[in-house]
Amino acid sequence: MAATYRDALETLEGARKLIRNPKRWVKNKYAVDKNGSPVKPTNKRAVAFCALGAVQHVDGPGEDLAIEILESAAREELISLGEIEDDLNNQEPDEEMIFSVNDEFGRYYVLSMFRRAIKIAKSKKRGKKST
């Protein structure tokens, strides 16, 4: 069964909730344990996450679609920060854009990126499935 925008929305909301606490967010690693050592985002010892790691930690049926939406939101965030020329429509969103927002601009912009992603998912969720 294909993921729905509802699934992606739940994944995005769960990930945002996870890193809303500054102690649960990290830069330059997907996830860390209580000692700050890198671990996989799905590891039970993981206590803090980057934006993408948080999505992977939530690990629901909407994960892939949530990442796709988060990539688009990251692109929008970078455009608003002046990091990408708005007229470069040929520049496709990708995971590197998520990492850029997370690692170069900080948690404030990460949460803004999640707000954008959640808004995108809500606008599309009316029962539509991803293709």
Protein backbone atom coordinates (compact mmCIF):
# COMPACT_ATOMS: atom_id res chain seq x y z
CA MET A 1 0.00 0.00 0.00
CA ALA A 2 1.36 3.40 -0.98
CA ALA A 3 1.98 5.98 1.70
CA THR A 4 -0.52 8.78 1.95
CA TYR A 5 0.05 12.42 2.69
CA ARG A 6 -1.64 11.71 6.03
CA ASP A 7 1.12 9.18 6.82
CA ALA A 8 3.78 11.70 5.82
CA LEU A 9 2.12 14.40 7.93
CA GLU A 10 2.14 12.14 11.00
CA THR A 11 5.81 11.34 10.42
CA LEU A 12 6.74 15.02 10.00
CA GLU A 13 4.79 16.06 13.09
CA GLY A 14 6.40 13.29 15.15
CA ALA A 15 9.89 14.26 13.98
CA ARG A 16 9.32 17.96 14.69
CA LYS A 17 8.00 17.14 18.15
CA LEU A 18 11.11 15.06 18.80
CA ILE A 19 13.58 17.86 18.04
CA ARG A 20 11.53 20.73 19.40
CA ASN A 21 13.53 20.31 22.62
CA PRO A 22 17.03 21.74 21.93
CA LYS A 23 18.61 18.85 23.87
CA ARG A 24 17.11 16.41 21.35
CA TRP A 25 18.59 18.08 18.25
CA VAL A 26 22.13 17.72 16.81
CA LYS A 27 24.25 18.94 13.92
CA ASN A 28 26.55 16.92 11.65
CA LYS A 29 25.25 13.50 12.76
CA TYR A 30 22.01 11.63 12.14
CA ALA A 31 21.68 10.70 15.82
CA VAL A 32 23.70 10.46 19.02
CA ASP A 33 23.39 8.56 22.29
CA LYS A 34 23.49 10.14 25.76
CA ASN A 35 27.31 10.32 25.54
CA GLY A 36 27.23 12.17 22.21
CA SER A 37 28.46 9.16 20.26
CA PRO A 38 26.95 8.63 16.80
CA VAL A 39 24.29 5.92 16.55
CA LYS A 40 21.70 5.00 13.93
CA PRO A 41 18.50 7.04 14.24
CA THR A 42 16.51 3.85 14.87
CA ASN A 43 18.84 2.71 17.67
CA LYS A 44 17.09 2.57 21.06
CA ARG A 45 20.03 4.45 22.60
CA ALA A 46 19.52 7.46 20.29
CA VAL A 47 18.54 10.55 22.27
CA ALA A 48 19.18 13.45 19.86
CA PHE A 49 18.71 13.76 16.11
CA CYS A 50 19.30 15.94 13.09
CA ALA A 51 16.24 16.79 10.99
CA LEU A 52 16.59 13.75 8.73
CA GLY A 53 17.54 11.48 11.63
CA ALA A 54 14.36 12.52 13.45
CA VAL A 55 12.24 11.50 10.45
CA GLN A 56 14.08 8.18 10.25
CA HIS A 57 13.62 7.65 14.01
CA VAL A 58 9.85 8.10 13.75
CA ASP A 59 10.06 5.40 11.04
CA GLY A 60 6.44 5.20 9.95
CA PRO A 61 4.80 4.24 6.66
CA GLY A 62 5.11 7.86 5.52
CA GLU A 63 8.89 8.11 5.97
CA ASP A 64 9.90 8.21 2.28
CA LEU A 65 7.16 10.67 1.36
CA ALA A 66 7.94 12.76 4.46
CA ILE A 67 11.59 12.99 3.37
CA GLU A 68 10.50 14.05 -0.12
CA ILE A 69 8.32 16.78 1.35
CA LEU A 70 11.07 17.84 3.77
CA GLU A 71 13.48 18.14 0.82
CA SER A 72 11.05 20.56 -0.87
CA ALA A 73 10.64 22.50 2.36
CA ALA A 74 14.44 22.67 2.75
CA ARG A 75 14.71 24.12 -0.75
CA GLU A 76 12.10 26.75 0.13
CA GLU A 77 13.94 27.54 3.37
CA LEU A 78 17.26 27.96 1.53
CA ILE A 79 15.58 30.23 -1.04
CA SER A 80 14.19 32.38 1.79
CA LEU A 81 17.70 32.55 3.30
CA GLY A 82 19.12 33.69 -0.04
CA GLU A 83 21.20 30.53 -0.42
CA ILE A 84 19.48 29.48 -3.66
CA GLU A 85 18.39 31.83 -6.41
CA ASP A 86 14.61 31.63 -6.63
CA ASP A 87 14.74 31.49 -10.42
CA LEU A 88 16.82 28.29 -10.44
CA ASN A 89 13.77 26.12 -10.95
CA ASN A 90 15.94 23.36 -12.39
CA GLN A 91 17.62 22.77 -9.02
CA GLU A 92 15.80 19.74 -7.64
CA PRO A 93 15.33 19.42 -3.87
CA ASP A 94 17.50 16.75 -2.27
CA GLU A 95 18.71 15.48 1.11
CA GLU A 96 21.78 17.74 0.91
CA MET A 97 19.44 20.71 1.26
CA ILE A 98 18.05 19.23 4.50
CA PHE A 99 21.61 18.78 5.80
CA SER A 100 22.47 22.34 4.80
CA VAL A 101 19.57 23.82 6.76
CA ASN A 102 20.30 21.55 9.74
CA ASP A 103 24.07 21.89 9.90
CA GLU A 104 24.71 25.40 8.60
CA PHE A 105 21.73 27.43 9.81
CA GLY A 106 20.62 25.82 13.06
CA ARG A 107 17.58 24.61 14.91
CA TYR A 108 15.46 27.74 14.46
CA TYR A 109 15.59 27.22 10.68
CA VAL A 110 15.16 23.47 11.05
CA LEU A 111 11.88 24.06 12.89
CA SER A 112 10.89 26.58 10.22
CA MET A 113 11.67 23.95 7.57
CA PHE A 114 9.43 21.47 9.40
CA ARG A 115 6.63 24.07 9.57
CA ARG A 116 6.90 24.46 5.80
CA ALA A 117 6.91 20.68 5.28
CA ILE A 118 3.88 20.17 7.52
CA LYS A 119 2.04 22.92 5.67
CA ILE A 120 2.82 21.18 2.35
CA ALA A 121 1.66 17.79 3.70
CA LYS A 122 -1.55 19.28 5.14
CA SER A 123 -2.37 20.97 1.85
CA LYS A 124 -2.06 17.64 0.00
CA LYS A 125 -3.32 15.12 2.55
CA ARG A 126 -6.98 14.95 1.58
CA GLY A 127 -6.71 11.23 0.95
CA LYS A 128 -4.29 11.52 -1.95
CA LYS A 129 -1.68 8.79 -2.23
CA SER A 130 1.85 9.42 -3.40
CA THR A 131 2.80 8.10 -6.80
